[in-house]
Protein backbone atom coordinates (compact mmCIF):
# COMPACT_ATOMS: atom_id res chain seq x y z
CA MET A 1 21.72 -31.35 40.42
CA VAL A 2 18.04 -30.50 41.04
CA GLN A 3 17.49 -27.04 42.48
CA GLU A 4 15.79 -26.89 45.85
CA THR A 5 12.65 -24.77 45.93
CA ILE A 6 11.90 -22.04 48.44
CA VAL A 7 8.36 -20.63 48.51
CA LEU A 8 7.76 -17.01 49.50
CA SER A 9 4.24 -16.02 50.49
CA PRO A 10 2.39 -13.19 52.30
CA LEU A 11 2.03 -13.56 56.06
CA HIS A 12 0.25 -11.32 58.56
CA HIS A 13 2.10 -11.65 61.86
CA ARG A 14 2.54 -9.41 64.90
CA GLY A 15 0.23 -6.80 63.40
CA ALA A 16 2.28 -6.31 60.24
CA GLU A 17 2.75 -7.75 56.76
CA GLN A 18 5.59 -10.27 56.53
CA ILE A 19 7.17 -12.57 53.96
CA ALA A 20 6.89 -16.25 54.93
CA ILE A 21 9.86 -18.38 53.81
CA ALA A 22 8.94 -22.05 53.38
CA PHE A 23 11.27 -24.89 52.33
CA ARG A 24 11.92 -28.61 52.68
CA TYR A 25 14.17 -28.93 55.71
CA SER A 26 17.91 -29.37 55.37
CA ASP A 27 20.72 -28.01 57.56
CA ARG A 28 22.18 -26.09 54.62
CA THR A 29 18.91 -24.43 53.60
CA LYS A 30 18.00 -23.57 57.18
CA SER A 31 21.43 -21.99 57.72
CA ILE A 32 21.22 -19.88 54.56
CA VAL A 33 17.69 -18.66 55.33
CA ASN A 34 18.60 -17.97 58.95
CA ASP A 35 21.65 -15.98 57.80
CA PHE A 36 19.53 -13.54 55.78
CA ASP A 37 19.58 -10.25 57.67
CA GLY A 38 16.21 -9.73 59.37
CA SER A 39 15.15 -13.37 59.11
CA LYS A 40 13.20 -14.62 62.16
CA TRP A 41 11.49 -17.83 63.27
CA SER A 42 7.80 -17.82 64.14
CA ALA A 43 6.83 -20.55 66.60
CA THR A 44 3.19 -19.65 66.00
CA HIS A 45 3.27 -20.23 62.24
CA ARG A 46 6.20 -22.69 62.29
CA THR A 47 8.03 -20.81 59.55
CA PHE A 48 10.85 -18.38 58.96
CA TYR A 49 9.75 -14.91 57.98
CA THR A 50 11.02 -11.37 57.41
CA ALA A 51 9.34 -7.96 57.29
CA TYR A 52 7.59 -7.22 54.01
CA SER A 53 8.57 -4.44 51.65
CA LYS A 54 8.91 -4.39 47.88
CA THR A 55 12.66 -3.79 48.22
CA ARG A 56 13.12 -6.56 50.79
CA LEU A 57 11.18 -9.03 48.63
CA HIS A 58 13.51 -8.29 45.74
CA THR A 59 16.59 -8.49 47.99
CA LEU A 60 15.47 -11.82 49.46
CA PHE A 61 14.72 -13.19 46.00
CA THR A 62 18.18 -12.19 44.74
CA TYR A 63 19.88 -13.55 47.86
CA LEU A 64 18.21 -16.97 47.49
CA ARG A 65 18.84 -17.13 43.74
CA ASP A 66 22.51 -16.35 44.36
CA HIS A 67 22.57 -19.45 46.60
CA ASN A 68 21.18 -21.53 43.71
CA PHE A 69 17.62 -21.97 44.96
CA TYR A 70 14.53 -21.93 42.75
CA VAL A 71 12.35 -19.21 44.28
CA ASP A 72 8.56 -19.42 43.92
CA TYR A 73 7.03 -16.07 44.81
CA SER A 74 3.92 -16.32 42.64
CA ALA A 75 1.72 -15.97 45.75
CA PHE A 76 2.54 -12.28 45.82
CA SER A 77 0.58 -11.75 42.60
CA ASN A 78 -2.58 -12.00 44.72
CA VAL A 79 -1.51 -9.70 47.54
CA PRO A 80 -4.08 -6.92 48.06
CA GLN A 81 -2.98 -3.62 46.58
CA GLU A 82 -3.01 -1.87 49.96
CA VAL A 83 -0.11 -4.04 51.13
CA TYR A 84 2.11 -2.20 48.67
CA LYS A 85 2.03 1.01 50.61
CA ALA A 86 2.92 3.98 48.45
CA THR A 87 5.07 6.85 49.60
CA LYS A 88 4.08 10.39 48.74
CA LYS A 89 6.46 10.28 45.80
CA THR A 90 5.57 6.98 44.16
CA LYS A 91 2.52 5.02 43.12
CA PRO A 92 1.71 1.56 44.47
CA GLU A 93 3.52 -1.02 42.37
CA MET A 94 2.83 -4.64 41.53
CA THR A 95 5.42 -7.27 42.25
CA MET A 96 7.51 -8.59 39.41
CA ALA A 97 5.61 -11.88 39.62
CA ALA A 98 2.27 -10.10 39.17
CA MET A 99 3.56 -8.03 36.27
CA HIS A 100 4.90 -11.13 34.55
CA THR A 101 1.65 -13.03 35.08
CA ASP A 102 -0.34 -10.25 33.39
CA LEU A 103 1.85 -10.10 30.29
CA PRO A 104 0.55 -11.38 26.95
CA ALA A 105 2.09 -14.70 25.88
CA GLU A 106 4.00 -12.92 23.11
CA TYR A 107 5.64 -10.62 25.68
CA LYS A 108 6.52 -13.48 28.03
CA ALA A 109 8.26 -15.30 25.17
CA LEU A 110 10.11 -12.11 24.24
CA LEU A 111 11.31 -11.51 27.80
CA LYS A 112 12.64 -15.06 28.06
CA ALA A 113 14.40 -14.79 24.71
CA TYR A 114 15.77 -11.35 25.64
CA THR A 115 17.42 -12.60 28.85
CA GLY A 116 18.91 -15.48 26.85
CA PHE A 117 20.22 -12.92 24.35
CA LEU A 118 21.91 -10.98 27.18
CA LYS A 119 23.49 -14.14 28.55
CA GLY A 120 24.79 -14.88 25.07
CA LYS A 121 26.44 -11.46 25.13
CA ARG A 122 28.19 -12.68 28.32
CA LEU A 123 26.74 -9.93 30.48
CA SER A 124 27.05 -10.54 34.21
CA PRO A 125 24.14 -12.23 36.05
CA SER A 126 23.56 -8.99 37.96
CA THR A 127 23.32 -6.99 34.73
CA VAL A 128 20.97 -9.56 33.17
CA ARG A 129 18.68 -9.33 36.21
CA THR A 130 18.72 -5.52 36.19
CA TYR A 131 18.07 -5.16 32.46
CA GLY A 132 15.44 -7.89 32.60
CA PHE A 133 13.63 -6.00 35.36
CA PHE A 134 13.48 -2.76 33.35
CA ILE A 135 12.29 -4.58 30.22
CA LEU A 136 9.60 -6.23 32.35
CA ARG A 137 8.54 -2.74 33.49
CA PHE A 138 8.52 -1.56 29.88
CA LEU A 139 6.49 -4.55 28.66
CA ASP A 140 4.01 -4.04 31.49
CA PHE A 141 3.72 -0.38 30.43
CA VAL A 142 3.16 -0.92 26.66
CA LYS A 143 0.93 -4.04 26.86
CA PRO A 144 -1.09 -5.15 24.98
CA LYS A 145 0.34 -3.44 21.88
CA PRO A 146 1.66 -5.92 19.30
CA LEU A 147 5.44 -5.82 18.90
CA ASP A 148 5.33 -4.66 15.30
CA THR A 149 3.41 -1.51 16.32
CA TRP A 150 6.00 -0.31 18.85
CA GLN A 151 7.40 3.17 18.22
CA LYS A 152 9.98 5.46 19.77
CA SER A 153 7.14 7.43 21.36
CA ASP A 154 6.39 4.34 23.50
CA MET A 155 9.86 4.57 25.01
CA ASP A 156 9.56 8.32 25.54
CA LEU A 157 6.28 7.83 27.42
CA PHE A 158 7.84 5.00 29.45
CA PHE A 159 10.65 7.29 30.59
CA GLU A 160 8.15 10.02 31.42
CA LYS A 161 5.42 7.99 33.15
CA VAL A 162 7.50 5.27 34.83
CA MET A 163 11.13 6.32 35.28
CA ALA A 164 10.46 9.99 36.03
CA GLU A 165 7.07 9.92 37.78
CA GLU A 166 8.05 6.96 39.98
CA ASN A 167 11.24 8.77 40.97
CA TYR A 168 13.77 6.24 39.79
CA SER A 169 17.33 7.46 40.28
CA ILE A 170 19.41 8.85 37.41
CA SER A 171 21.60 5.73 37.49
CA SER A 172 18.50 3.53 37.19
CA HIS A 173 17.25 5.66 34.30
CA ARG A 174 20.58 5.18 32.55
CA GLN A 175 20.33 1.43 33.09
CA SER A 176 16.83 1.37 31.61
CA VAL A 177 18.13 3.12 28.48
CA SER A 178 20.88 0.50 28.14
CA ALA A 179 18.30 -2.26 28.61
CA LEU A 180 16.10 -0.82 25.85
CA LYS A 181 19.06 -0.43 23.52
CA TYR A 182 19.74 -4.14 23.86
CA LEU A 183 16.03 -4.84 23.30
CA GLY A 184 16.08 -2.77 20.10
CA SER A 185 19.17 -4.64 18.93
CA TYR A 186 17.46 -7.97 19.58
CA CYS A 187 14.03 -7.15 18.10
CA ASN A 188 15.28 -5.13 15.11
CA LEU A 189 11.87 -3.54 14.54
CA GLU A 190 11.57 -0.89 11.85
CA ASP A 191 9.83 1.84 13.88
CA PHE A 192 11.37 0.91 17.23
CA ASP A 193 14.70 2.70 16.81
CA THR A 194 16.73 2.68 20.04
CA GLU A 195 19.94 3.99 18.49
CA GLY A 196 18.91 7.57 19.14
CA LEU A 197 18.14 7.04 22.82
CA THR A 198 20.28 9.20 25.09
CA ARG A 199 21.15 8.61 28.72
CA PRO A 200 20.63 11.44 31.22
CA LYS A 201 23.84 12.89 32.57
CA LYS A 202 25.22 11.26 35.68
CA SER A 203 24.69 13.04 38.96
CA LYS A 204 27.95 14.60 40.12
CA ARG A 205 27.65 14.13 43.85
CA LEU A 206 30.77 14.17 45.97
CA PRO A 207 31.29 10.87 47.80
CA VAL A 208 30.76 10.65 51.55
CA VAL A 209 34.13 10.20 53.26
CA LEU A 210 35.05 9.35 56.85
CA SER A 211 38.05 10.92 58.52
CA LYS A 212 40.94 8.71 59.64
CA GLU A 213 39.86 9.25 63.24
CA GLU A 214 36.31 8.10 62.42
CA ILE A 215 37.64 4.93 60.78
CA ILE A 216 39.61 4.06 63.94
CA ASP A 217 36.60 4.90 66.14
CA LEU A 218 34.42 2.66 63.99
CA MET A 219 36.75 -0.31 64.43
CA GLN A 220 37.21 0.26 68.14
CA VAL A 221 33.49 0.29 68.95
CA THR A 222 32.90 -2.88 66.88
CA LYS A 223 33.22 -5.67 69.44
CA ASN A 224 32.39 -8.58 67.11
CA LEU A 225 35.69 -9.94 65.74
CA LYS A 226 34.28 -10.91 62.34
CA HIS A 227 32.64 -7.52 61.88
CA ARG A 228 35.84 -5.71 62.89
CA ALA A 229 37.84 -7.77 60.38
CA ILE A 230 35.35 -6.93 57.63
CA ILE A 231 35.52 -3.18 58.30
CA GLY A 232 39.31 -3.35 58.46
CA ILE A 233 39.81 -5.24 55.22
CA ILE A 234 37.30 -3.18 53.20
CA TYR A 235 38.95 0.07 54.30
CA SER A 236 42.58 -1.06 54.24
CA SER A 237 42.31 -2.57 50.75
CA GLY A 238 39.58 -0.41 49.21
CA LEU A 239 37.31 -3.33 48.32
CA ARG A 240 33.85 -3.18 46.83
CA ILE A 241 31.26 -5.06 48.87
CA GLY A 242 30.94 -7.73 46.17
CA GLU A 243 34.71 -8.18 46.14
CA LEU A 244 34.73 -8.75 49.89
CA LEU A 245 31.92 -11.32 49.71
CA ASN A 246 33.68 -13.21 46.89
CA LEU A 247 37.11 -13.07 48.56
CA LYS A 248 38.45 -16.56 49.22
CA LEU A 249 41.02 -17.63 51.79
CA LYS A 250 43.46 -18.55 49.03
CA ASP A 251 43.31 -14.94 47.79
CA LEU A 252 45.09 -13.62 50.90
CA ASP A 253 48.89 -13.40 50.65
CA LEU A 254 49.88 -12.49 54.19
CA ASP A 255 53.62 -12.82 53.53
CA ARG A 256 53.50 -10.13 50.83
CA ASN A 257 50.69 -8.06 52.40
CA GLN A 258 48.54 -8.47 49.31
CA LEU A 259 45.02 -9.50 48.33
CA HIS A 260 44.14 -10.97 44.95
CA VAL A 261 40.76 -9.68 43.76
CA ARG A 262 39.49 -12.02 41.08
CA GLN A 263 36.91 -11.34 38.36
CA ALA A 264 35.76 -8.08 39.90
CA LYS A 265 33.76 -5.39 38.12
CA GLY A 266 34.39 -5.65 34.38
CA ARG A 267 35.65 -9.25 34.88
CA LYS A 268 39.08 -7.94 35.84
CA ASP A 269 41.60 -9.38 38.27
CA ARG A 270 43.81 -7.09 40.31
CA THR A 271 46.19 -7.16 43.26
CA VAL A 272 45.70 -4.71 46.14
CA ILE A 273 47.66 -3.85 49.24
CA MET A 274 46.82 -5.20 52.69
CA SER A 275 47.57 -3.39 55.93
CA GLU A 276 50.51 -4.65 57.99
CA VAL A 277 48.85 -3.64 61.26
CA LEU A 278 45.67 -5.48 60.27
CA LYS A 279 47.39 -8.88 59.95
CA PRO A 280 47.16 -9.86 63.67
CA LEU A 281 43.42 -9.08 63.61
CA LEU A 282 42.91 -11.13 60.44
CA LEU A 283 44.87 -14.09 61.83
CA ASN A 284 42.87 -13.89 65.06
CA TYR A 285 39.63 -13.88 63.04
CA VAL A 286 40.66 -16.85 60.86
CA ASN A 287 41.79 -18.91 63.87
CA THR A 288 38.62 -18.08 65.81
CA TYR A 289 35.98 -18.52 63.08
CA ASN A 290 37.86 -21.10 60.99
CA PRO A 291 36.29 -20.22 57.61
CA LYS A 292 36.63 -23.04 55.07
CA TYR A 293 36.37 -21.43 51.66
CA TYR A 294 35.38 -17.78 51.65
CA PHE A 295 37.33 -15.32 53.79
CA VAL A 296 34.06 -14.32 55.46
CA GLU A 297 31.26 -16.86 55.62
CA GLY A 298 27.73 -17.05 56.89
CA ARG A 299 26.68 -19.34 59.71
CA GLY A 300 26.15 -22.24 57.33
CA GLY A 301 29.49 -21.84 55.59
CA GLY A 302 28.02 -20.14 52.53
CA MET A 303 28.66 -16.67 51.20
CA TYR A 304 28.09 -13.80 53.60
CA THR A 305 25.49 -11.18 52.62
CA ALA A 306 25.85 -7.50 51.78
CA GLU A 307 22.73 -6.79 53.83
CA SER A 308 24.43 -8.21 56.94
CA VAL A 309 27.44 -5.93 56.42
CA ARG A 310 25.23 -2.88 55.98
CA GLY A 311 23.31 -3.81 59.12
CA PHE A 312 26.23 -4.05 61.55
CA LEU A 313 27.94 -1.05 59.93
CA LYS A 314 24.88 1.06 60.68
CA THR A 315 24.93 -0.11 64.30
CA ALA A 316 28.66 0.57 64.65
CA CYS A 317 28.28 4.12 63.30
CA LYS A 318 25.57 4.83 65.84
CA GLU A 319 27.79 3.59 68.67
CA ALA A 320 30.73 5.63 67.37
CA GLY A 321 28.62 8.79 67.18
CA ILE A 322 29.05 9.07 63.41
CA THR A 323 26.04 10.86 61.93
CA LYS A 324 26.99 10.49 58.26
CA THR A 325 25.18 7.91 56.14
CA VAL A 326 27.80 5.16 55.98
CA THR A 327 27.67 2.19 53.62
CA PRO A 328 30.44 -0.32 52.80
CA HIS A 329 31.25 1.79 49.73
CA VAL A 330 31.92 4.81 51.96
CA LEU A 331 34.85 2.83 53.43
CA ARG A 332 36.18 2.41 49.88
CA HIS A 333 35.70 6.13 49.21
CA SER A 334 37.59 6.91 52.42
CA TYR A 335 40.44 4.58 51.43
CA ALA A 336 40.88 6.33 48.07
CA THR A 337 40.62 9.83 49.55
CA HIS A 338 43.15 9.11 52.29
CA LEU A 339 45.59 7.65 49.74
CA MET A 340 45.31 10.85 47.74
CA GLU A 341 45.82 12.98 50.85
CA ASN A 342 48.95 10.94 51.58
CA GLY A 343 50.37 11.91 48.18
CA VAL A 344 49.85 8.63 46.30
CA ASP A 345 49.85 9.15 42.53
CA LEU A 346 46.43 9.21 40.85
CA ARG A 347 47.40 6.44 38.41
CA HIS A 348 48.37 4.13 41.27
CA ILE A 349 45.07 4.80 43.05
CA GLN A 350 43.21 4.02 39.83
CA MET A 351 44.95 0.64 39.59
CA LEU A 352 44.32 -0.20 43.26
CA LEU A 353 40.61 0.65 42.92
CA GLY A 354 40.24 -1.22 39.63
CA HIS A 355 38.84 1.79 37.75
CA ALA A 356 38.82 1.47 33.96
CA LYS A 357 39.09 5.23 33.43
CA PRO A 358 41.15 7.84 35.33
CA GLU A 359 38.13 10.17 35.21
CA THR A 360 36.37 7.89 37.70
CA THR A 361 39.26 8.18 40.14
CA MET A 362 39.51 11.95 39.77
CA ILE A 363 36.33 12.44 41.83
CA TYR A 364 38.54 11.98 44.89
CA THR A 365 40.56 15.06 43.98
CA HIS A 366 37.47 17.06 44.96
CA VAL A 367 37.29 15.66 48.48
CA ALA A 368 40.98 15.14 49.34
CA GLN A 369 42.01 17.75 51.90
CA ARG A 370 45.82 17.64 51.73
CA ASP A 371 46.28 20.46 49.19
CA LEU A 372 43.16 22.37 50.21
CA MET A 373 44.35 22.66 53.79
CA GLN A 374 47.48 24.45 52.60
CA ILE A 375 45.42 27.31 51.15
CA LYS A 376 45.20 30.35 53.40
CA SER A 377 41.96 32.24 53.75
CA PRO A 378 42.13 35.81 52.36
CA LEU A 379 41.08 37.01 55.82
CA ASP A 380 44.12 35.34 57.40
CA LEU A 381 46.39 36.95 54.85
CA ALA A 382 44.77 40.36 55.32
CA VAL A 383 45.22 40.27 59.11
CA LYS A 384 48.79 39.05 58.75
CA GLU A 385 49.64 41.82 56.28
CA ILE A 386 48.15 44.55 58.48
CA THR A 387 49.82 43.36 61.68
CA GLU A 388 53.20 43.17 59.96
CA THR A 389 53.04 46.59 58.28
CA GLN A 390 51.14 48.72 60.81
CA LYS A 391 52.80 48.79 64.22
CA ASP A 392 49.80 50.38 65.94
CA ARG A 393 47.71 47.39 64.88
CA SER A 394 50.17 44.66 65.79
CA LYS A 395 47.66 43.11 68.20
CA LEU A 396 44.68 43.13 65.89
CA LEU A 397 41.86 40.95 67.26
CA LEU A 398 38.60 40.32 65.45
CA SER A 399 36.77 39.08 68.51
CA ARG A 400 36.30 42.56 70.00
CA ASN A 401 36.28 46.24 69.10
CA ILE A 402 39.64 47.65 68.10
CA LYS A 403 40.78 50.89 69.70
CA ARG A 404 42.66 53.16 67.36
């Protein structure tokens, strides 16, 4: 089957920079493009478009590739530098297409061979894309040095000048180290030793968690039936966003209140619980929207998008008066934390979440409130002790002066 081509190009429209999305018309392609969150139709230019940003260009590219389109975004290699507006923390960056265009032929051949090497290792498509991106950044940084002159100092400078100075996250830095380790394994260059590379320690941030009341409020303010079903099933079963998007109708076992999550993170299958009280809502959703293959589908019948979920979730939080930063993964965090507060064994929670290591699950012990709420403040104990042992202070109040 020949891949359809979608062409992305710069467009100045309504006083701002946009991404024009051009394609040969078909109902399927139109539906998929229209379903991308933020996609709009311009009657003036007779094209679909979406607001330009470096992140959105990458997200759109990934979204279209995931729907098996060939994406031509070479036009962005000629976009004026000022379009890539820099924040105070980062420098203006070229697009991936521009970086690739400027690589020496030797580097282009290496990058192609490297991604093939990763596929041969059976790494996931997402991991191949991520590692390929960081190797592209590295190649753009060290060009035009010949491969056989690469040294460990080149990697050290890359981490310093690119990963650190451009404020990549710790998790991204760790991914770039993994990518370079695979590159070193593939190239096997004498002075380019990646074995000694170390990953920075993971950030130990506590997950954002919604209260049970906030979860109910979130569902009640969400009027759209499909959106309400999505929130309910992510929270009630603790799904990752990718697991929700890949969930098929055949994976729901309503009789046993179970969901079958197939080939999730780490290529693992698992069975998770499904809420009894959620079943009427799910049946109502299925009967109303009549999805054919996936549990939740876009307007054209294809896979729904993570960006769409994030968009309506943000709107629902605003309507519910929730000021926390809430993503789909926060619903999963909340699920795990509430299970722990309800006394569910840590090992069972680990299995339900699909964690490979118990250490990953133990983060929720730091945010679960069940045991913490049983601890009395020393001030409470002090007041209680005094009022019980000193009769003249039996009515001790801290809100006013005490007469002795």
